[in-house]
Amino acid sequence: MKGFLGILNNEVFISAVYAWVIAQSIKIIIALIKTKKFQFDRIAGSGGMPSSHSASVMAASFTVGETMGYHHPLFGICIVFSMIIMYDAAGVRRAAGHQAVAINKIIKALGSHKFKFELKELLGHTYIEVFVGAILGIIIALLNT
């Protein structure tokens, strides 16, 4: 266990956590401004501006670049995985959110009471949410290293 606690000194991990916390905090503030009430689901919820997934993975990737060099193979691997995660956030998860909207409407229209809950609709991100999250992550990494 003692060795695992070394993660608390890991610059890559710390940058990613900072990025996630800051992105989620921005989402809370935006939701508060828009709705005039605190939304607990924004604390750890997916979707919204900016993408915390994008911020986290780009902060981790750029911290690797800053500490090991942008020429290092590990930075290349990190960027590839970051691109996959960001593509998924704006593509696959966003499409799943659209499908959830349609399914919820169908269930309501049919009056089916077999489902005790609605499907979560805010899953993915717009491209701008992903882009802003990525820029936020890069800035946090550069400031943190």
N, C-alpha and C. Protein backbone atom coordinates (compact mmCIF):
# COMPACT_ATOMS: atom_id res chain seq x y z
N MET A 1 0.82 -1.19 0.00
CA MET A 1 0.00 0.00 0.00
C MET A 1 0.86 1.26 0.00
N LYS A 2 1.99 1.19 0.71
CA LYS A 2 2.87 2.35 0.82
C LYS A 2 3.36 2.79 -0.56
N GLY A 3 3.70 1.83 -1.42
CA GLY A 3 4.15 2.16 -2.76
C GLY A 3 3.07 2.81 -3.60
N PHE A 4 1.84 2.36 -3.43
CA PHE A 4 0.73 2.91 -4.19
C PHE A 4 0.48 4.37 -3.85
N LEU A 5 0.72 4.76 -2.62
CA LEU A 5 0.50 6.14 -2.20
C LEU A 5 1.43 7.11 -2.90
N GLY A 6 2.45 6.57 -3.57
CA GLY A 6 3.34 7.40 -4.38
C GLY A 6 2.59 8.11 -5.49
N ILE A 7 1.41 7.62 -5.85
CA ILE A 7 0.59 8.27 -6.88
C ILE A 7 0.27 9.71 -6.50
N LEU A 8 0.25 9.98 -5.19
CA LEU A 8 -0.05 11.33 -4.72
C LEU A 8 1.08 12.31 -5.04
N ASN A 9 2.23 11.78 -5.42
CA ASN A 9 3.37 12.61 -5.85
C ASN A 9 3.58 12.55 -7.36
N ASN A 10 2.68 11.90 -8.05
CA ASN A 10 2.81 11.71 -9.49
C ASN A 10 2.25 12.94 -10.22
N GLU A 11 3.13 13.67 -10.89
CA GLU A 11 2.73 14.91 -11.57
C GLU A 11 1.64 14.69 -12.61
N VAL A 12 1.73 13.58 -13.33
CA VAL A 12 0.73 13.29 -14.37
C VAL A 12 -0.64 13.10 -13.74
N PHE A 13 -0.70 12.30 -12.69
CA PHE A 13 -1.96 12.05 -11.99
C PHE A 13 -2.52 13.34 -11.40
N ILE A 14 -1.66 14.12 -10.76
CA ILE A 14 -2.09 15.36 -10.11
C ILE A 14 -2.64 16.34 -11.14
N SER A 15 -1.96 16.48 -12.28
CA SER A 15 -2.46 17.38 -13.34
C SER A 15 -3.83 16.94 -13.83
N ALA A 16 -4.00 15.63 -14.03
CA ALA A 16 -5.28 15.11 -14.50
C ALA A 16 -6.39 15.39 -13.48
N VAL A 17 -6.09 15.20 -12.20
CA VAL A 17 -7.09 15.44 -11.15
C VAL A 17 -7.42 16.93 -11.07
N TYR A 18 -6.40 17.79 -11.12
CA TYR A 18 -6.65 19.24 -11.13
C TYR A 18 -7.57 19.61 -12.29
N ALA A 19 -7.26 19.09 -13.45
CA ALA A 19 -8.05 19.41 -14.64
C ALA A 19 -9.50 18.97 -14.48
N TRP A 20 -9.68 17.77 -13.93
CA TRP A 20 -11.05 17.26 -13.73
C TRP A 20 -11.81 18.15 -12.74
N VAL A 21 -11.17 18.47 -11.62
CA VAL A 21 -11.81 19.28 -10.58
C VAL A 21 -12.16 20.67 -11.13
N ILE A 22 -11.25 21.28 -11.84
CA ILE A 22 -11.50 22.62 -12.39
C ILE A 22 -12.61 22.57 -13.44
N ALA A 23 -12.57 21.59 -14.33
CA ALA A 23 -13.62 21.47 -15.35
C ALA A 23 -14.99 21.24 -14.72
N GLN A 24 -15.06 20.35 -13.73
CA GLN A 24 -16.34 20.09 -13.06
C GLN A 24 -16.81 21.34 -12.31
N SER A 25 -15.88 22.07 -11.72
CA SER A 25 -16.25 23.31 -11.02
C SER A 25 -16.83 24.34 -11.98
N ILE A 26 -16.24 24.44 -13.16
CA ILE A 26 -16.76 25.35 -14.18
C ILE A 26 -18.17 24.93 -14.59
N LYS A 27 -18.39 23.62 -14.74
CA LYS A 27 -19.74 23.12 -15.08
C LYS A 27 -20.76 23.51 -14.01
N ILE A 28 -20.37 23.40 -12.75
CA ILE A 28 -21.26 23.75 -11.63
C ILE A 28 -21.61 25.24 -11.70
N ILE A 29 -20.61 26.07 -11.94
CA ILE A 29 -20.83 27.52 -12.02
C ILE A 29 -21.74 27.86 -13.20
N ILE A 30 -21.49 27.26 -14.35
CA ILE A 30 -22.32 27.51 -15.54
C ILE A 30 -23.77 27.09 -15.27
N ALA A 31 -23.96 25.92 -14.68
CA ALA A 31 -25.31 25.44 -14.37
C ALA A 31 -25.98 26.37 -13.36
N LEU A 32 -25.24 26.85 -12.39
CA LEU A 32 -25.78 27.76 -11.38
C LEU A 32 -26.23 29.08 -12.02
N ILE A 33 -25.43 29.59 -12.93
CA ILE A 33 -25.78 30.82 -13.63
C ILE A 33 -27.03 30.61 -14.51
N LYS A 34 -27.07 29.49 -15.22
CA LYS A 34 -28.19 29.22 -16.13
C LYS A 34 -29.50 28.94 -15.41
N THR A 35 -29.45 28.13 -14.36
CA THR A 35 -30.68 27.67 -13.70
C THR A 35 -30.99 28.38 -12.39
N LYS A 36 -30.03 29.14 -11.88
CA LYS A 36 -30.17 29.84 -10.60
C LYS A 36 -30.33 28.89 -9.41
N LYS A 37 -29.95 27.63 -9.60
CA LYS A 37 -29.97 26.68 -8.48
C LYS A 37 -28.81 25.70 -8.61
N PHE A 38 -28.37 25.18 -7.46
CA PHE A 38 -27.26 24.24 -7.43
C PHE A 38 -27.72 22.87 -7.92
N GLN A 39 -26.99 22.31 -8.87
CA GLN A 39 -27.34 21.00 -9.42
C GLN A 39 -26.28 19.99 -9.00
N PHE A 40 -26.66 19.10 -8.08
CA PHE A 40 -25.73 18.12 -7.54
C PHE A 40 -25.16 17.19 -8.62
N ASP A 41 -25.94 16.92 -9.66
CA ASP A 41 -25.46 16.01 -10.71
C ASP A 41 -24.30 16.59 -11.49
N ARG A 42 -24.07 17.89 -11.40
CA ARG A 42 -22.94 18.51 -12.10
C ARG A 42 -21.62 18.23 -11.40
N ILE A 43 -21.66 17.79 -10.14
CA ILE A 43 -20.43 17.53 -9.41
C ILE A 43 -19.61 16.43 -10.09
N ALA A 44 -20.26 15.35 -10.45
CA ALA A 44 -19.54 14.25 -11.10
C ALA A 44 -20.22 13.81 -12.40
N GLY A 45 -21.22 14.54 -12.85
CA GLY A 45 -21.96 14.15 -14.04
C GLY A 45 -21.18 14.34 -15.33
N SER A 46 -21.59 13.60 -16.32
CA SER A 46 -20.95 13.70 -17.64
C SER A 46 -21.68 14.73 -18.48
N GLY A 47 -21.06 15.12 -19.58
CA GLY A 47 -21.64 16.11 -20.47
C GLY A 47 -21.45 17.51 -19.94
N GLY A 48 -21.68 18.49 -20.80
CA GLY A 48 -21.59 19.88 -20.40
C GLY A 48 -20.27 20.54 -20.74
N MET A 49 -20.22 21.84 -20.49
CA MET A 49 -19.07 22.68 -20.83
C MET A 49 -18.26 22.97 -19.58
N PRO A 50 -16.96 22.75 -19.64
CA PRO A 50 -16.14 22.06 -20.63
C PRO A 50 -16.09 20.56 -20.35
N SER A 51 -15.60 19.81 -21.30
CA SER A 51 -15.46 18.37 -21.11
C SER A 51 -14.36 18.07 -20.10
N SER A 52 -14.73 17.47 -18.98
CA SER A 52 -13.73 17.12 -17.97
C SER A 52 -12.90 15.92 -18.42
N HIS A 53 -13.50 15.05 -19.25
CA HIS A 53 -12.72 13.94 -19.82
C HIS A 53 -11.57 14.50 -20.66
N SER A 54 -11.90 15.46 -21.54
CA SER A 54 -10.88 16.06 -22.40
C SER A 54 -9.83 16.80 -21.59
N ALA A 55 -10.29 17.55 -20.60
CA ALA A 55 -9.36 18.30 -19.76
C ALA A 55 -8.40 17.36 -19.04
N SER A 56 -8.92 16.28 -18.49
CA SER A 56 -8.09 15.34 -17.73
C SER A 56 -7.06 14.64 -18.60
N VAL A 57 -7.51 14.11 -19.73
CA VAL A 57 -6.56 13.35 -20.56
C VAL A 57 -5.52 14.25 -21.21
N MET A 58 -5.91 15.46 -21.57
CA MET A 58 -4.93 16.36 -22.17
C MET A 58 -3.96 16.89 -21.11
N ALA A 59 -4.44 17.11 -19.90
CA ALA A 59 -3.54 17.52 -18.81
C ALA A 59 -2.52 16.42 -18.55
N ALA A 60 -2.99 15.18 -18.50
CA ALA A 60 -2.07 14.05 -18.29
C ALA A 60 -1.07 13.94 -19.44
N SER A 61 -1.57 14.01 -20.66
CA SER A 61 -0.70 13.89 -21.84
C SER A 61 0.36 14.98 -21.88
N PHE A 62 -0.06 16.22 -21.67
CA PHE A 62 0.91 17.31 -21.77
C PHE A 62 1.86 17.36 -20.57
N THR A 63 1.45 16.83 -19.44
CA THR A 63 2.38 16.71 -18.32
C THR A 63 3.46 15.69 -18.66
N VAL A 64 3.06 14.60 -19.32
CA VAL A 64 4.06 13.62 -19.80
C VAL A 64 4.99 14.30 -20.79
N GLY A 65 4.43 15.08 -21.71
CA GLY A 65 5.27 15.80 -22.68
C GLY A 65 6.24 16.75 -22.03
N GLU A 66 5.77 17.48 -21.03
CA GLU A 66 6.63 18.45 -20.34
C GLU A 66 7.71 17.76 -19.52
N THR A 67 7.40 16.63 -18.90
CA THR A 67 8.36 15.99 -18.01
C THR A 67 9.30 15.03 -18.73
N MET A 68 8.79 14.35 -19.76
CA MET A 68 9.62 13.35 -20.45
C MET A 68 10.08 13.81 -21.82
N GLY A 69 9.46 14.85 -22.33
CA GLY A 69 9.78 15.35 -23.65
C GLY A 69 8.69 14.98 -24.65
N TYR A 70 8.45 15.89 -25.55
CA TYR A 70 7.38 15.66 -26.54
C TYR A 70 7.79 14.65 -27.61
N HIS A 71 9.05 14.33 -27.63
CA HIS A 71 9.55 13.32 -28.57
C HIS A 71 9.42 11.90 -28.00
N HIS A 72 9.15 11.80 -26.70
CA HIS A 72 9.12 10.50 -26.02
C HIS A 72 7.94 9.65 -26.50
N PRO A 73 8.16 8.35 -26.71
CA PRO A 73 7.07 7.47 -27.16
C PRO A 73 5.85 7.48 -26.22
N LEU A 74 6.08 7.67 -24.92
CA LEU A 74 4.96 7.69 -23.99
C LEU A 74 4.04 8.87 -24.25
N PHE A 75 4.61 10.02 -24.64
CA PHE A 75 3.77 11.16 -24.99
C PHE A 75 2.92 10.83 -26.21
N GLY A 76 3.51 10.16 -27.18
CA GLY A 76 2.76 9.75 -28.37
C GLY A 76 1.59 8.84 -28.03
N ILE A 77 1.85 7.87 -27.15
CA ILE A 77 0.80 6.95 -26.71
C ILE A 77 -0.30 7.73 -25.99
N CYS A 78 0.09 8.63 -25.10
CA CYS A 78 -0.89 9.42 -24.35
C CYS A 78 -1.77 10.25 -25.28
N ILE A 79 -1.17 10.88 -26.28
CA ILE A 79 -1.94 11.70 -27.21
C ILE A 79 -2.91 10.83 -28.02
N VAL A 80 -2.46 9.66 -28.45
CA VAL A 80 -3.35 8.76 -29.19
C VAL A 80 -4.56 8.38 -28.33
N PHE A 81 -4.32 7.98 -27.09
CA PHE A 81 -5.43 7.63 -26.21
C PHE A 81 -6.31 8.85 -25.90
N SER A 82 -5.71 10.01 -25.76
CA SER A 82 -6.49 11.24 -25.54
C SER A 82 -7.42 11.51 -26.72
N MET A 83 -6.91 11.35 -27.92
CA MET A 83 -7.73 11.57 -29.13
C MET A 83 -8.89 10.58 -29.19
N ILE A 84 -8.63 9.34 -28.82
CA ILE A 84 -9.69 8.32 -28.82
C ILE A 84 -10.77 8.69 -27.80
N ILE A 85 -10.36 9.11 -26.62
CA ILE A 85 -11.31 9.48 -25.57
C ILE A 85 -12.12 10.70 -25.99
N MET A 86 -11.46 11.69 -26.59
CA MET A 86 -12.18 12.89 -27.01
C MET A 86 -13.12 12.60 -28.17
N TYR A 87 -12.70 11.75 -29.10
CA TYR A 87 -13.58 11.35 -30.20
C TYR A 87 -14.80 10.62 -29.65
N ASP A 88 -14.57 9.75 -28.68
CA ASP A 88 -15.68 9.01 -28.06
C ASP A 88 -16.65 9.97 -27.36
N ALA A 89 -16.12 10.96 -26.67
CA ALA A 89 -16.97 11.91 -25.94
C ALA A 89 -17.87 12.69 -26.89
N ALA A 90 -17.33 13.10 -28.04
CA ALA A 90 -18.10 13.91 -28.98
C ALA A 90 -18.87 13.07 -29.99
N GLY A 91 -18.51 11.83 -30.13
CA GLY A 91 -19.15 10.98 -31.12
C GLY A 91 -20.06 9.94 -30.51
N VAL A 92 -19.48 8.89 -30.00
CA VAL A 92 -20.23 7.73 -29.53
C VAL A 92 -21.13 8.08 -28.34
N ARG A 93 -20.56 8.73 -27.31
CA ARG A 93 -21.38 9.03 -26.13
C ARG A 93 -22.44 10.08 -26.44
N ARG A 94 -22.14 11.01 -27.33
CA ARG A 94 -23.14 12.01 -27.71
C ARG A 94 -24.30 11.33 -28.45
N ALA A 95 -23.96 10.40 -29.35
CA ALA A 95 -25.00 9.67 -30.07
C ALA A 95 -25.84 8.84 -29.10
N ALA A 96 -25.21 8.24 -28.11
CA ALA A 96 -25.96 7.47 -27.10
C ALA A 96 -26.92 8.38 -26.33
N GLY A 97 -26.51 9.61 -26.08
CA GLY A 97 -27.39 10.58 -25.41
C GLY A 97 -28.60 10.91 -26.27
N HIS A 98 -28.38 11.09 -27.59
CA HIS A 98 -29.50 11.35 -28.51
C HIS A 98 -30.46 10.16 -28.54
N GLN A 99 -29.90 8.95 -28.52
CA GLN A 99 -30.73 7.75 -28.51
C GLN A 99 -31.55 7.68 -27.22
N ALA A 100 -30.95 8.06 -26.10
CA ALA A 100 -31.67 8.05 -24.83
C ALA A 100 -32.85 9.01 -24.86
N VAL A 101 -32.67 10.18 -25.48
CA VAL A 101 -33.76 11.15 -25.62
C VAL A 101 -34.91 10.50 -26.39
N ALA A 102 -34.59 9.86 -27.52
CA ALA A 102 -35.62 9.24 -28.35
C ALA A 102 -36.32 8.10 -27.60
N ILE A 103 -35.57 7.27 -26.93
CA ILE A 103 -36.16 6.14 -26.19
C ILE A 103 -37.05 6.64 -25.07
N ASN A 104 -36.62 7.67 -24.34
CA ASN A 104 -37.45 8.23 -23.27
C ASN A 104 -38.77 8.77 -23.83
N LYS A 105 -38.72 9.42 -24.99
CA LYS A 105 -39.94 9.94 -25.62
C LYS A 105 -40.87 8.79 -26.02
N ILE A 106 -40.31 7.73 -26.57
CA ILE A 106 -41.12 6.58 -26.98
C ILE A 106 -41.80 5.95 -25.77
N ILE A 107 -41.05 5.77 -24.70
CA ILE A 107 -41.60 5.16 -23.48
C ILE A 107 -42.75 6.02 -22.93
N LYS A 108 -42.55 7.34 -22.91
CA LYS A 108 -43.61 8.24 -22.43
C LYS A 108 -44.84 8.18 -23.35
N ALA A 109 -44.60 8.16 -24.66
CA ALA A 109 -45.71 8.13 -25.62
C ALA A 109 -46.52 6.84 -25.51
N LEU A 110 -45.84 5.75 -25.25
CA LEU A 110 -46.51 4.46 -25.12
C LEU A 110 -47.18 4.30 -23.75
N GLY A 111 -46.78 5.15 -22.83
CA GLY A 111 -47.35 5.07 -21.49
C GLY A 111 -46.89 3.84 -20.73
N SER A 112 -45.74 3.34 -21.09
CA SER A 112 -45.22 2.15 -20.43
C SER A 112 -44.76 2.48 -19.01
N HIS A 113 -45.23 1.69 -18.06
CA HIS A 113 -44.84 1.89 -16.67
C HIS A 113 -43.86 0.82 -16.20
N LYS A 114 -43.34 0.06 -17.16
CA LYS A 114 -42.38 -0.99 -16.80
C LYS A 114 -41.04 -0.40 -16.40
N PHE A 115 -40.73 0.79 -16.92
CA PHE A 115 -39.47 1.44 -16.60
C PHE A 115 -39.70 2.42 -15.46
N LYS A 116 -38.97 2.24 -14.39
CA LYS A 116 -39.13 3.09 -13.20
C LYS A 116 -38.23 4.33 -13.26
N PHE A 117 -37.43 4.42 -14.30
CA PHE A 117 -36.50 5.54 -14.42
C PHE A 117 -36.35 5.90 -15.89
N GLU A 118 -35.85 7.12 -16.13
CA GLU A 118 -35.54 7.55 -17.49
C GLU A 118 -34.07 7.28 -17.77
N LEU A 119 -33.76 7.06 -19.02
CA LEU A 119 -32.36 6.90 -19.40
C LEU A 119 -31.66 8.25 -19.30
N LYS A 120 -30.40 8.22 -18.90
CA LYS A 120 -29.61 9.45 -18.79
C LYS A 120 -29.36 9.99 -20.19
N GLU A 121 -29.70 11.25 -20.40
CA GLU A 121 -29.62 11.85 -21.74
C GLU A 121 -28.36 12.67 -21.97
N LEU A 122 -27.80 13.23 -20.91
CA LEU A 122 -26.61 14.07 -21.06
C LEU A 122 -25.37 13.20 -20.86
N LEU A 123 -24.91 12.60 -21.94
CA LEU A 123 -23.79 11.67 -21.87
C LEU A 123 -22.53 12.22 -22.53
N GLY A 124 -22.68 12.78 -23.69
CA GLY A 124 -21.53 13.19 -24.48
C GLY A 124 -21.35 14.70 -24.51
N HIS A 125 -20.54 15.13 -25.46
CA HIS A 125 -20.19 16.54 -25.58
C HIS A 125 -20.30 17.01 -27.01
N THR A 126 -20.48 18.32 -27.15
CA THR A 126 -20.35 18.93 -28.47
C THR A 126 -18.85 19.06 -28.76
N TYR A 127 -18.52 19.33 -30.00
CA TYR A 127 -17.10 19.47 -30.35
C TYR A 127 -16.48 20.66 -29.64
N ILE A 128 -17.23 21.72 -29.43
CA ILE A 128 -16.68 22.89 -28.74
C ILE A 128 -16.42 22.58 -27.27
N GLU A 129 -17.28 21.79 -26.63
CA GLU A 129 -17.06 21.39 -25.24
C GLU A 129 -15.79 20.56 -25.11
N VAL A 130 -15.56 19.68 -26.08
CA VAL A 130 -14.35 18.85 -26.10
C VAL A 130 -13.13 19.73 -26.33
N PHE A 131 -13.22 20.65 -27.29
CA PHE A 131 -12.10 21.53 -27.61
C PHE A 131 -11.72 22.40 -26.41
N VAL A 132 -12.72 23.01 -25.77
CA VAL A 132 -12.45 23.86 -24.60
C VAL A 132 -11.85 23.04 -23.47
N GLY A 133 -12.37 21.83 -23.26
CA GLY A 133 -11.80 20.95 -22.24
C GLY A 133 -10.35 20.61 -22.53
N ALA A 134 -10.05 20.34 -23.79
CA ALA A 134 -8.67 20.01 -24.18
C ALA A 134 -7.74 21.20 -23.93
N ILE A 135 -8.16 22.39 -24.32
CA ILE A 135 -7.34 23.60 -24.10
C ILE A 135 -7.14 23.83 -22.60
N LEU A 136 -8.21 23.66 -21.83
CA LEU A 136 -8.11 23.81 -20.37
C LEU A 136 -7.09 22.82 -19.80
N GLY A 137 -7.14 21.58 -20.24
CA GLY A 137 -6.20 20.56 -19.78
C GLY A 137 -4.75 20.91 -20.11
N ILE A 138 -4.54 21.40 -21.32
CA ILE A 138 -3.18 21.79 -21.74
C ILE A 138 -2.66 22.93 -20.87
N ILE A 139 -3.50 23.92 -20.65
CA ILE A 139 -3.10 25.07 -19.82
C ILE A 139 -2.76 24.62 -18.40
N ILE A 140 -3.60 23.76 -17.84
CA ILE A 140 -3.34 23.26 -16.47
C ILE A 140 -2.03 22.49 -16.42
N ALA A 141 -1.77 21.66 -17.41
CA ALA A 141 -0.51 20.91 -17.44
C ALA A 141 0.69 21.84 -17.51
N LEU A 142 0.61 22.85 -18.36
CA LEU A 142 1.73 23.78 -18.51
C LEU A 142 1.95 24.60 -17.24
N LEU A 143 0.88 24.94 -16.55
CA LEU A 143 1.01 25.69 -15.30
C LEU A 143 1.48 24.82 -14.15
N ASN A 144 1.16 23.53 -14.22
CA ASN A 144 1.47 22.60 -13.12
C ASN A 144 2.87 22.03 -13.20
N THR A 145 3.52 22.10 -14.34
CA THR A 145 4.85 21.49 -14.48
C THR A 145 5.95 22.54 -14.44
